[in-house]
Amino acid sequence: MKFNQQSLQKLEAILSQSEYVVRYERGTFQSGWCLLEAKKIVVLNKFLDVEGRINTLIDLIPQIDINYDKLTLDSQRLYDEVNKRIIPPPSTAIEIPFEEKTDS
């Protein structure tokens, strides 16, 4: 995904098609955003640049209730792509059982 205004608008479209309102306001946001779920409002820090806004929406979108059926085909594809970024790949680590040593 390119970090430009068009990509930002596509991510905002996912939210608007799910009846969320995206607002840019200033404030003391710990993570760059605030979610008012009862009113379906997403508030982003207005001082973020385009790349910061895109990264914030990529982090936020998988956490909120998106009505997939209301999305256009293009938005569904982008939504799927955003969700794939969040899901960690299967672990290839091997679990080694811990054995506690006793002083005897």
PDB file of N, CA and C in Angstrom:
ATOM      1  N   MET A   1       0.842  -1.181   0.000  1.00  0.00           N
ATOM      2  CA  MET A   1       0.000   0.000   0.000  1.00  0.00           C
ATOM      3  C   MET A   1       0.886   1.242   0.000  1.00  0.00           C
ATOM      4  N   LYS A   2       0.543   2.167  -0.855  1.00  0.00           N
ATOM      5  CA  LYS A   2       1.277   3.424  -0.908  1.00  0.00           C
ATOM      6  C   LYS A   2       0.737   4.364   0.153  1.00  0.00           C
ATOM      7  N   PHE A   3       1.617   5.170   0.695  1.00  0.00           N
ATOM      8  CA  PHE A   3       1.227   6.124   1.720  1.00  0.00           C
ATOM      9  C   PHE A   3       0.949   7.470   1.073  1.00  0.00           C
ATOM     10  N   ASN A   4      -0.244   7.584   0.459  1.00  0.00           N
ATOM     11  CA  ASN A   4      -0.634   8.842  -0.165  1.00  0.00           C
ATOM     12  C   ASN A   4      -2.082   9.158   0.183  1.00  0.00           C
ATOM     13  N   GLN A   5      -2.539  10.308  -0.253  1.00  0.00           N
ATOM     14  CA  GLN A   5      -3.881  10.770   0.080  1.00  0.00           C
ATOM     15  C   GLN A   5      -4.966   9.821  -0.443  1.00  0.00           C
ATOM     16  N   GLN A   6      -4.746   9.230  -1.610  1.00  0.00           N
ATOM     17  CA  GLN A   6      -5.737   8.308  -2.180  1.00  0.00           C
ATOM     18  C   GLN A   6      -5.888   7.062  -1.305  1.00  0.00           C
ATOM     19  N   SER A   7      -4.780   6.524  -0.794  1.00  0.00           N
ATOM     20  CA  SER A   7      -4.848   5.360   0.104  1.00  0.00           C
ATOM     21  C   SER A   7      -5.581   5.721   1.393  1.00  0.00           C
ATOM     22  N   LEU A   8      -5.317   6.912   1.902  1.00  0.00           N
ATOM     23  CA  LEU A   8      -6.002   7.375   3.108  1.00  0.00           C
ATOM     24  C   LEU A   8      -7.504   7.453   2.868  1.00  0.00           C
ATOM     25  N   GLN A   9      -7.906   7.974   1.731  1.00  0.00           N
ATOM     26  CA  GLN A   9      -9.329   8.089   1.410  1.00  0.00           C
ATOM     27  C   GLN A   9      -9.981   6.710   1.287  1.00  0.00           C
ATOM     28  N   LYS A  10      -9.260   5.734   0.770  1.00  0.00           N
ATOM     29  CA  LYS A  10      -9.804   4.380   0.657  1.00  0.00           C
ATOM     30  C   LYS A  10     -10.026   3.762   2.038  1.00  0.00           C
ATOM     31  N   LEU A  11      -9.091   3.996   2.956  1.00  0.00           N
ATOM     32  CA  LEU A  11      -9.256   3.490   4.321  1.00  0.00           C
ATOM     33  C   LEU A  11     -10.415   4.201   5.022  1.00  0.00           C
ATOM     34  N   GLU A  12     -10.530   5.502   4.817  1.00  0.00           N
ATOM     35  CA  GLU A  12     -11.645   6.249   5.393  1.00  0.00           C
ATOM     36  C   GLU A  12     -12.972   5.755   4.832  1.00  0.00           C
ATOM     37  N   ALA A  13     -12.985   5.318   3.566  1.00  0.00           N
ATOM     38  CA  ALA A  13     -14.210   4.813   2.939  1.00  0.00           C
ATOM     39  C   ALA A  13     -14.694   3.541   3.631  1.00  0.00           C
ATOM     40  N   ILE A  14     -13.765   2.692   4.066  1.00  0.00           N
ATOM     41  CA  ILE A  14     -14.152   1.479   4.800  1.00  0.00           C
ATOM     42  C   ILE A  14     -14.955   1.869   6.036  1.00  0.00           C
ATOM     43  N   LEU A  15     -14.476   2.877   6.747  1.00  0.00           N
ATOM     44  CA  LEU A  15     -15.175   3.316   7.955  1.00  0.00           C
ATOM     45  C   LEU A  15     -16.508   3.971   7.622  1.00  0.00           C
ATOM     46  N   SER A  16     -16.523   4.828   6.622  1.00  0.00           N
ATOM     47  CA  SER A  16     -17.782   5.523   6.303  1.00  0.00           C
ATOM     48  C   SER A  16     -18.841   4.560   5.780  1.00  0.00           C
ATOM     49  N   GLN A  17     -18.436   3.529   5.051  1.00  0.00           N
ATOM     50  CA  GLN A  17     -19.399   2.543   4.556  1.00  0.00           C
ATOM     51  C   GLN A  17     -19.967   1.696   5.689  1.00  0.00           C
ATOM     52  N   SER A  18     -19.268   1.668   6.821  1.00  0.00           N
ATOM     53  CA  SER A  18     -19.770   0.973   8.012  1.00  0.00           C
ATOM     54  C   SER A  18     -20.399   1.955   8.995  1.00  0.00           C
ATOM     55  N   GLU A  19     -20.722   3.143   8.470  1.00  0.00           N
ATOM     56  CA  GLU A  19     -21.432   4.180   9.219  1.00  0.00           C
ATOM     57  C   GLU A  19     -20.618   4.802  10.345  1.00  0.00           C
ATOM     58  N   TYR A  20     -19.294   4.779  10.233  1.00  0.00           N
ATOM     59  CA  TYR A  20     -18.433   5.494  11.163  1.00  0.00           C
ATOM     60  C   TYR A  20     -18.104   6.853  10.566  1.00  0.00           C
ATOM     61  N   VAL A  21     -17.982   7.849  11.431  1.00  0.00           N
ATOM     62  CA  VAL A  21     -17.585   9.187  11.019  1.00  0.00           C
ATOM     63  C   VAL A  21     -16.124   9.362  11.425  1.00  0.00           C
ATOM     64  N   VAL A  22     -15.296   9.817  10.495  1.00  0.00           N
ATOM     65  CA  VAL A  22     -13.879  10.064  10.786  1.00  0.00           C
ATOM     66  C   VAL A  22     -13.699  11.563  10.957  1.00  0.00           C
ATOM     67  N   ARG A  23     -13.165  11.946  12.111  1.00  0.00           N
ATOM     68  CA  ARG A  23     -12.898  13.362  12.382  1.00  0.00           C
ATOM     69  C   ARG A  23     -11.439  13.528  12.741  1.00  0.00           C
ATOM     70  N   TYR A  24     -10.886  14.666  12.375  1.00  0.00           N
ATOM     71  CA  TYR A  24      -9.510  15.013  12.719  1.00  0.00           C
ATOM     72  C   TYR A  24      -9.554  16.182  13.683  1.00  0.00           C
ATOM     73  N   GLU A  25      -9.092  15.933  14.896  1.00  0.00           N
ATOM     74  CA  GLU A  25      -9.111  16.942  15.957  1.00  0.00           C
ATOM     75  C   GLU A  25      -7.765  16.942  16.666  1.00  0.00           C
ATOM     76  N   ARG A  26      -7.514  18.015  17.372  1.00  0.00           N
ATOM     77  CA  ARG A  26      -6.297  18.031  18.184  1.00  0.00           C
ATOM     78  C   ARG A  26      -6.670  17.641  19.607  1.00  0.00           C
ATOM     79  N   GLY A  27      -5.706  17.080  20.270  1.00  0.00           N
ATOM     80  CA  GLY A  27      -5.941  16.632  21.631  1.00  0.00           C
ATOM     81  C   GLY A  27      -4.758  15.813  22.109  1.00  0.00           C
ATOM     82  N   THR A  28      -4.870  15.294  23.294  1.00  0.00           N
ATOM     83  CA  THR A  28      -3.785  14.492  23.855  1.00  0.00           C
ATOM     84  C   THR A  28      -4.141  13.022  23.677  1.00  0.00           C
ATOM     85  N   PHE A  29      -3.873  12.517  22.494  1.00  0.00           N
ATOM     86  CA  PHE A  29      -4.150  11.128  22.174  1.00  0.00           C
ATOM     87  C   PHE A  29      -2.906  10.302  22.444  1.00  0.00           C
ATOM     88  N   GLN A  30      -3.032   9.244  23.211  1.00  0.00           N
ATOM     89  CA  GLN A  30      -1.897   8.371  23.473  1.00  0.00           C
ATOM     90  C   GLN A  30      -1.486   7.620  22.221  1.00  0.00           C
ATOM     91  N   SER A  31      -2.448   7.182  21.437  1.00  0.00           N
ATOM     92  CA  SER A  31      -2.134   6.335  20.291  1.00  0.00           C
ATOM     93  C   SER A  31      -2.470   6.998  18.958  1.00  0.00           C
ATOM     94  N   GLY A  32      -2.795   8.269  18.965  1.00  0.00           N
ATOM     95  CA  GLY A  32      -3.108   8.954  17.732  1.00  0.00           C
ATOM     96  C   GLY A  32      -4.569   8.895  17.343  1.00  0.00           C
ATOM     97  N   TRP A  33      -5.392   8.167  18.134  1.00  0.00           N
ATOM     98  CA  TRP A  33      -6.807   8.054  17.806  1.00  0.00           C
ATOM     99  C   TRP A  33      -7.649   7.849  19.055  1.00  0.00           C
ATOM    100  N   CYS A  34      -8.920   8.093  18.915  1.00  0.00           N
ATOM    101  CA  CYS A  34      -9.897   7.884  19.978  1.00  0.00           C
ATOM    102  C   CYS A  34     -11.152   7.340  19.307  1.00  0.00           C
ATOM    103  N   LEU A  35     -11.769   6.356  19.906  1.00  0.00           N
ATOM    104  CA  LEU A  35     -12.949   5.734  19.315  1.00  0.00           C
ATOM    105  C   LEU A  35     -14.140   5.917  20.247  1.00  0.00           C
ATOM    106  N   LEU A  36     -15.187   6.525  19.718  1.00  0.00           N
ATOM    107  CA  LEU A  36     -16.435   6.659  20.452  1.00  0.00           C
ATOM    108  C   LEU A  36     -17.412   5.683  19.822  1.00  0.00           C
ATOM    109  N   GLU A  37     -17.388   4.423  20.305  1.00  0.00           N
ATOM    110  CA  GLU A  37     -18.153   3.356  19.659  1.00  0.00           C
ATOM    111  C   GLU A  37     -19.655   3.580  19.696  1.00  0.00           C
ATOM    112  N   ALA A  38     -20.163   4.110  20.781  1.00  0.00           N
ATOM    113  CA  ALA A  38     -21.614   4.295  20.880  1.00  0.00           C
ATOM    114  C   ALA A  38     -22.127   5.238  19.795  1.00  0.00           C
ATOM    115  N   LYS A  39     -21.294   6.187  19.372  1.00  0.00           N
ATOM    116  CA  LYS A  39     -21.700   7.144  18.344  1.00  0.00           C
ATOM    117  C   LYS A  39     -21.039   6.851  17.005  1.00  0.00           C
ATOM    118  N   LYS A  40     -20.237   5.802  16.933  1.00  0.00           N
ATOM    119  CA  LYS A  40     -19.525   5.415  15.715  1.00  0.00           C
ATOM    120  C   LYS A  40     -18.704   6.581  15.151  1.00  0.00           C
ATOM    121  N   ILE A  41     -17.896   7.154  16.023  1.00  0.00           N
ATOM    122  CA  ILE A  41     -17.017   8.250  15.623  1.00  0.00           C
ATOM    123  C   ILE A  41     -15.580   7.847  15.889  1.00  0.00           C
ATOM    124  N   VAL A  42     -14.737   8.017  14.888  1.00  0.00           N
ATOM    125  CA  VAL A  42     -13.305   7.792  15.033  1.00  0.00           C
ATOM    126  C   VAL A  42     -12.650   9.165  14.986  1.00  0.00           C
ATOM    127  N   VAL A  43     -11.906   9.507  16.037  1.00  0.00           N
ATOM    128  CA  VAL A  43     -11.228  10.796  16.085  1.00  0.00           C
ATOM    129  C   VAL A  43      -9.730  10.540  15.989  1.00  0.00           C
ATOM    130  N   LEU A  44      -9.117  11.106  14.957  1.00  0.00           N
ATOM    131  CA  LEU A  44      -7.672  10.971  14.768  1.00  0.00           C
ATOM    132  C   LEU A  44      -6.997  12.289  15.095  1.00  0.00           C
ATOM    133  N   ASN A  45      -5.766  12.191  15.535  1.00  0.00           N
ATOM    134  CA  ASN A  45      -4.981  13.381  15.822  1.00  0.00           C
ATOM    135  C   ASN A  45      -4.718  14.132  14.520  1.00  0.00           C
ATOM    136  N   LYS A  46      -5.149  15.372  14.442  1.00  0.00           N
ATOM    137  CA  LYS A  46      -5.043  16.126  13.198  1.00  0.00           C
ATOM    138  C   LYS A  46      -3.608  16.513  12.861  1.00  0.00           C
ATOM    139  N   PHE A  47      -2.697  16.360  13.808  1.00  0.00           N
ATOM    140  CA  PHE A  47      -1.308  16.716  13.557  1.00  0.00           C
ATOM    141  C   PHE A  47      -0.510  15.573  12.938  1.00  0.00           C
ATOM    142  N   LEU A  48      -1.139  14.409  12.756  1.00  0.00           N
ATOM    143  CA  LEU A  48      -0.459  13.304  12.088  1.00  0.00           C
ATOM    144  C   LEU A  48      -0.332  13.609  10.598  1.00  0.00           C
ATOM    145  N   ASP A  49       0.789  13.221  10.009  1.00  0.00           N
ATOM    146  CA  ASP A  49       0.928  13.363   8.560  1.00  0.00           C
ATOM    147  C   ASP A  49       0.160  12.226   7.881  1.00  0.00           C
ATOM    148  N   VAL A  50       0.121  12.220   6.560  1.00  0.00           N
ATOM    149  CA  VAL A  50      -0.663  11.227   5.817  1.00  0.00           C
ATOM    150  C   VAL A  50      -0.215   9.815   6.169  1.00  0.00           C
ATOM    151  N   GLU A  51       1.081   9.581   6.235  1.00  0.00           N
ATOM    152  CA  GLU A  51       1.586   8.245   6.571  1.00  0.00           C
ATOM    153  C   GLU A  51       1.151   7.840   7.975  1.00  0.00           C
ATOM    154  N   GLY A  52       1.206   8.762   8.911  1.00  0.00           N
ATOM    155  CA  GLY A  52       0.771   8.479  10.278  1.00  0.00           C
ATOM    156  C   GLY A  52      -0.717   8.183  10.352  1.00  0.00           C
ATOM    157  N   ARG A  53      -1.507   8.901   9.572  1.00  0.00           N
ATOM    158  CA  ARG A  53      -2.950   8.663   9.544  1.00  0.00           C
ATOM    159  C   ARG A  53      -3.253   7.292   8.965  1.00  0.00           C
ATOM    160  N   ILE A  54      -2.542   6.925   7.905  1.00  0.00           N
ATOM    161  CA  ILE A  54      -2.748   5.614   7.278  1.00  0.00           C
ATOM    162  C   ILE A  54      -2.363   4.501   8.249  1.00  0.00           C
ATOM    163  N   ASN A  55      -1.197   4.625   8.869  1.00  0.00           N
ATOM    164  CA  ASN A  55      -0.765   3.600   9.825  1.00  0.00           C
ATOM    165  C   ASN A  55      -1.727   3.486  10.999  1.00  0.00           C
ATOM    166  N   THR A  56      -2.250   4.607  11.450  1.00  0.00           N
ATOM    167  CA  THR A  56      -3.202   4.589  12.554  1.00  0.00           C
ATOM    168  C   THR A  56      -4.485   3.874  12.149  1.00  0.00           C
ATOM    169  N   LEU A  57      -4.990   4.154  10.951  1.00  0.00           N
ATOM    170  CA  LEU A  57      -6.212   3.487  10.482  1.00  0.00           C
ATOM    171  C   LEU A  57      -5.983   1.999  10.249  1.00  0.00           C
ATOM    172  N   ILE A  58      -4.792   1.638   9.763  1.00  0.00           N
ATOM    173  CA  ILE A  58      -4.474   0.219   9.570  1.00  0.00           C
ATOM    174  C   ILE A  58      -4.482  -0.516  10.910  1.00  0.00           C
ATOM    175  N   ASP A  59      -4.003   0.142  11.963  1.00  0.00           N
ATOM    176  CA  ASP A  59      -4.028  -0.456  13.297  1.00  0.00           C
ATOM    177  C   ASP A  59      -5.443  -0.491  13.878  1.00  0.00           C
ATOM    178  N   LEU A  60      -6.229   0.509  13.554  1.00  0.00           N
ATOM    179  CA  LEU A  60      -7.550   0.664  14.154  1.00  0.00           C
ATOM    180  C   LEU A  60      -8.636  -0.193  13.513  1.00  0.00           C
ATOM    181  N   ILE A  61      -8.649  -0.267  12.203  1.00  0.00           N
ATOM    182  CA  ILE A  61      -9.752  -0.920  11.486  1.00  0.00           C
ATOM    183  C   ILE A  61     -10.014  -2.359  11.947  1.00  0.00           C
ATOM    184  N   PRO A  62      -8.995  -3.198  12.162  1.00  0.00           N
ATOM    185  CA  PRO A  62      -9.294  -4.567  12.630  1.00  0.00           C
ATOM    186  C   PRO A  62      -9.905  -4.623  14.034  1.00  0.00           C
ATOM    187  N   GLN A  63      -9.796  -3.545  14.801  1.00  0.00           N
ATOM    188  CA  GLN A  63     -10.285  -3.542  16.176  1.00  0.00           C
ATOM    189  C   GLN A  63     -11.752  -3.149  16.296  1.00  0.00           C
ATOM    190  N   ILE A  64     -12.334  -2.607  15.228  1.00  0.00           N
ATOM    191  CA  ILE A  64     -13.706  -2.134  15.340  1.00  0.00           C
ATOM    192  C   ILE A  64     -14.650  -3.010  14.519  1.00  0.00           C
ATOM    193  N   ASP A  65     -15.925  -2.863  14.805  1.00  0.00           N
ATOM    194  CA  ASP A  65     -16.951  -3.680  14.166  1.00  0.00           C
ATOM    195  C   ASP A  65     -17.275  -3.114  12.785  1.00  0.00           C
ATOM    196  N   ILE A  66     -16.774  -3.774  11.759  1.00  0.00           N
ATOM    197  CA  ILE A  66     -17.008  -3.366  10.382  1.00  0.00           C
ATOM    198  C   ILE A  66     -18.057  -4.294   9.781  1.00  0.00           C
ATOM    199  N   ASN A  67     -19.078  -3.721   9.182  1.00  0.00           N
ATOM    200  CA  ASN A  67     -20.106  -4.523   8.511  1.00  0.00           C
ATOM    201  C   ASN A  67     -19.596  -4.835   7.104  1.00  0.00           C
ATOM    202  N   TYR A  68     -19.039  -6.010   6.935  1.00  0.00           N
ATOM    203  CA  TYR A  68     -18.392  -6.413   5.690  1.00  0.00           C
ATOM    204  C   TYR A  68     -19.355  -6.373   4.503  1.00  0.00           C
ATOM    205  N   ASP A  69     -20.610  -6.700   4.734  1.00  0.00           N
ATOM    206  CA  ASP A  69     -21.591  -6.747   3.653  1.00  0.00           C
ATOM    207  C   ASP A  69     -21.926  -5.370   3.088  1.00  0.00           C
ATOM    208  N   LYS A  70     -21.712  -4.317   3.874  1.00  0.00           N
ATOM    209  CA  LYS A  70     -21.997  -2.961   3.405  1.00  0.00           C
ATOM    210  C   LYS A  70     -20.848  -2.370   2.591  1.00  0.00           C
ATOM    211  N   LEU A  71     -19.692  -3.030   2.614  1.00  0.00           N
ATOM    212  CA  LEU A  71     -18.525  -2.502   1.905  1.00  0.00           C
ATOM    213  C   LEU A  71     -18.630  -2.770   0.413  1.00  0.00           C
ATOM    214  N   THR A  72     -18.106  -1.851  -0.376  1.00  0.00           N
ATOM    215  CA  THR A  72     -18.007  -2.082  -1.816  1.00  0.00           C
ATOM    216  C   THR A  72     -16.958  -3.166  -2.051  1.00  0.00           C
ATOM    217  N   LEU A  73     -16.907  -3.697  -3.236  1.00  0.00           N
ATOM    218  CA  LEU A  73     -15.951  -4.753  -3.557  1.00  0.00           C
ATOM    219  C   LEU A  73     -14.509  -4.288  -3.339  1.00  0.00           C
ATOM    220  N   ASP A  74     -14.199  -3.058  -3.769  1.00  0.00           N
ATOM    221  CA  ASP A  74     -12.848  -2.521  -3.567  1.00  0.00           C
ATOM    222  C   ASP A  74     -12.530  -2.374  -2.081  1.00  0.00           C
ATOM    223  N   SER A  75     -13.505  -1.899  -1.310  1.00  0.00           N
ATOM    224  CA  SER A  75     -13.292  -1.749   0.129  1.00  0.00           C
ATOM    225  C   SER A  75     -13.144  -3.104   0.808  1.00  0.00           C
ATOM    226  N   GLN A  76     -13.872  -4.117   0.341  1.00  0.00           N
ATOM    227  CA  GLN A  76     -13.733  -5.461   0.908  1.00  0.00           C
ATOM    228  C   GLN A  76     -12.320  -5.994   0.681  1.00  0.00           C
ATOM    229  N   ARG A  77     -11.793  -5.770  -0.515  1.00  0.00           N
ATOM    230  CA  ARG A  77     -10.423  -6.219  -0.808  1.00  0.00           C
ATOM    231  C   ARG A  77      -9.419  -5.522   0.100  1.00  0.00           C
ATOM    232  N   LEU A  78      -9.563  -4.213   0.255  1.00  0.00           N
ATOM    233  CA  LEU A  78      -8.647  -3.466   1.106  1.00  0.00           C
ATOM    234  C   LEU A  78      -8.798  -3.892   2.564  1.00  0.00           C
ATOM    235  N   TYR A  79     -10.034  -4.113   2.999  1.00  0.00           N
ATOM    236  CA  TYR A  79     -10.290  -4.575   4.368  1.00  0.00           C
ATOM    237  C   TYR A  79      -9.605  -5.923   4.623  1.00  0.00           C
ATOM    238  N   ASP A  80      -9.723  -6.834   3.665  1.00  0.00           N
ATOM    239  CA  ASP A  80      -9.055  -8.131   3.789  1.00  0.00           C
ATOM    240  C   ASP A  80      -7.539  -7.962   3.859  1.00  0.00           C
ATOM    241  N   GLU A  81      -7.006  -7.066   3.056  1.00  0.00           N
ATOM    242  CA  GLU A  81      -5.558  -6.819   3.062  1.00  0.00           C
ATOM    243  C   GLU A  81      -5.105  -6.244   4.400  1.00  0.00           C
ATOM    244  N   VAL A  82      -5.874  -5.324   4.948  1.00  0.00           N
ATOM    245  CA  VAL A  82      -5.537  -4.726   6.250  1.00  0.00           C
ATOM    246  C   VAL A  82      -5.572  -5.793   7.338  1.00  0.00           C
ATOM    247  N   ASN A  83      -6.572  -6.658   7.312  1.00  0.00           N
ATOM    248  CA  ASN A  83      -6.675  -7.706   8.326  1.00  0.00           C
ATOM    249  C   ASN A  83      -5.557  -8.730   8.208  1.00  0.00           C
ATOM    250  N   LYS A  84      -5.075  -9.007   7.008  1.00  0.00           N
ATOM    251  CA  LYS A  84      -3.962  -9.941   6.834  1.00  0.00           C
ATOM    252  C   LYS A  84      -2.681  -9.403   7.443  1.00  0.00           C
ATOM    253  N   ARG A  85      -2.517  -8.095   7.456  1.00  0.00           N
ATOM    254  CA  ARG A  85      -1.319  -7.483   8.047  1.00  0.00           C
ATOM    255  C   ARG A  85      -1.288  -7.660   9.557  1.00  0.00           C
ATOM    256  N   ILE A  86      -2.449  -7.703  10.170  1.00  0.00           N
ATOM    257  CA  ILE A  86      -2.537  -7.769  11.624  1.00  0.00           C
ATOM    258  C   ILE A  86      -2.368  -9.187  12.138  1.00  0.00           C
ATOM    259  N   ILE A  87      -2.859 -10.165  11.403  1.00  0.00           N
ATOM    260  CA  ILE A  87      -2.804 -11.554  11.853  1.00  0.00           C
ATOM    261  C   ILE A  87      -1.355 -12.034  11.793  1.00  0.00           C
ATOM    262  N   PRO A  88      -0.776 -12.441  12.921  1.00  0.00           N
ATOM    263  CA  PRO A  88       0.612 -12.891  12.907  1.00  0.00           C
ATOM    264  C   PRO A  88       0.747 -14.204  12.149  1.00  0.00           C
ATOM    265  N   PRO A  89       1.887 -14.395  11.486  1.00  0.00           N
ATOM    266  CA  PRO A  89       2.104 -15.656  10.786  1.00  0.00           C
ATOM    267  C   PRO A  89       2.222 -16.806  11.786  1.00  0.00           C
ATOM    268  N   PRO A  90       1.960 -18.030  11.348  1.00  0.00           N
ATOM    269  CA  PRO A  90       2.074 -19.171  12.262  1.00  0.00           C
ATOM    270  C   PRO A  90       3.481 -19.257  12.838  1.00  0.00           C
ATOM    271  N   SER A  91       3.538 -19.608  14.086  1.00  0.00           N
ATOM    272  CA  SER A  91       4.830 -19.681  14.768  1.00  0.00           C
ATOM    273  C   SER A  91       5.602 -20.922  14.331  1.00  0.00           C
ATOM    274  N   THR A  92       6.887 -20.744  14.117  1.00  0.00           N
ATOM    275  CA  THR A  92       7.747 -21.878  13.790  1.00  0.00           C
ATOM    276  C   THR A  92       8.639 -22.215  14.981  1.00  0.00           C
ATOM    277  N   ALA A  93       8.380 -21.553  16.098  1.00  0.00           N
ATOM    278  CA  ALA A  93       9.194 -21.803  17.289  1.00  0.00           C
ATOM    279  C   ALA A  93       8.868 -23.173  17.876  1.00  0.00           C
ATOM    280  N   ILE A  94       9.858 -23.770  18.448  1.00  0.00           N
ATOM    281  CA  ILE A  94       9.694 -25.068  19.099  1.00  0.00           C
ATOM    282  C   ILE A  94       9.612 -24.826  20.592  1.00  0.00           C
ATOM    283  N   GLU A  95       8.606 -25.391  21.215  1.00  0.00           N
ATOM    284  CA  GLU A  95       8.441 -25.218  22.655  1.00  0.00           C
ATOM    285  C   GLU A  95       9.299 -26.242  23.380  1.00  0.00           C
ATOM    286  N   ILE A  96      10.152 -25.739  24.254  1.00  0.00           N
ATOM    287  CA  ILE A  96      11.027 -26.604  25.041  1.00  0.00           C
ATOM    288  C   ILE A  96      10.507 -26.609  26.467  1.00  0.00           C
ATOM    289  N   PRO A  97      10.215 -27.786  27.006  1.00  0.00           N
ATOM    290  CA  PRO A  97       9.694 -27.836  28.375  1.00  0.00           C
ATOM    291  C   PRO A  97      10.737 -27.322  29.367  1.00  0.00           C
ATOM    292  N   PHE A  98      10.257 -26.583  30.356  1.00  0.00           N
ATOM    293  CA  PHE A  98      11.123 -26.022  31.378  1.00  0.00           C
ATOM    294  C   PHE A  98      11.291 -27.026  32.507  1.00  0.00           C
ATOM    295  N   GLU A  99      12.540 -27.307  32.847  1.00  0.00           N
ATOM    296  CA  GLU A  99      12.813 -28.213  33.973  1.00  0.00           C
ATOM    297  C   GLU A  99      13.479 -27.405  35.066  1.00  0.00           C
ATOM    298  N   GLU A 100      12.856 -27.418  36.223  1.00  0.00           N
ATOM    299  CA  GLU A 100      13.389 -26.666  37.342  1.00  0.00           C
ATOM    300  C   GLU A 100      14.480 -27.485  38.025  1.00  0.00           C
ATOM    301  N   LYS A 101      15.639 -26.849  38.239  1.00  0.00           N
ATOM    302  CA  LYS A 101      16.734 -27.531  38.926  1.00  0.00           C
ATOM    303  C   LYS A 101      16.563 -27.371  40.422  1.00  0.00           C
ATOM    304  N   THR A 102      16.833 -28.419  41.121  1.00  0.00           N
ATOM    305  CA  THR A 102      16.763 -28.371  42.572  1.00  0.00           C
ATOM    306  C   THR A 102      18.147 -28.559  43.127  1.00  0.00           C
ATOM    307  N   ASP A 103      18.460 -27.840  44.183  1.00  0.00           N
ATOM    308  CA  ASP A 103      19.772 -27.974  44.817  1.00  0.00           C
ATOM    309  C   ASP A 103      19.733 -29.142  45.795  1.00  0.00           C
ATOM    310  N   SER A 104      20.296 -30.278  45.391  1.00  0.00           N
ATOM    311  CA  SER A 104      20.308 -31.464  46.262  1.00  0.00           C
ATOM    312  C   SER A 104      21.706 -31.967  46.422  1.00  0.00           C
TER     313      SER A 104
END
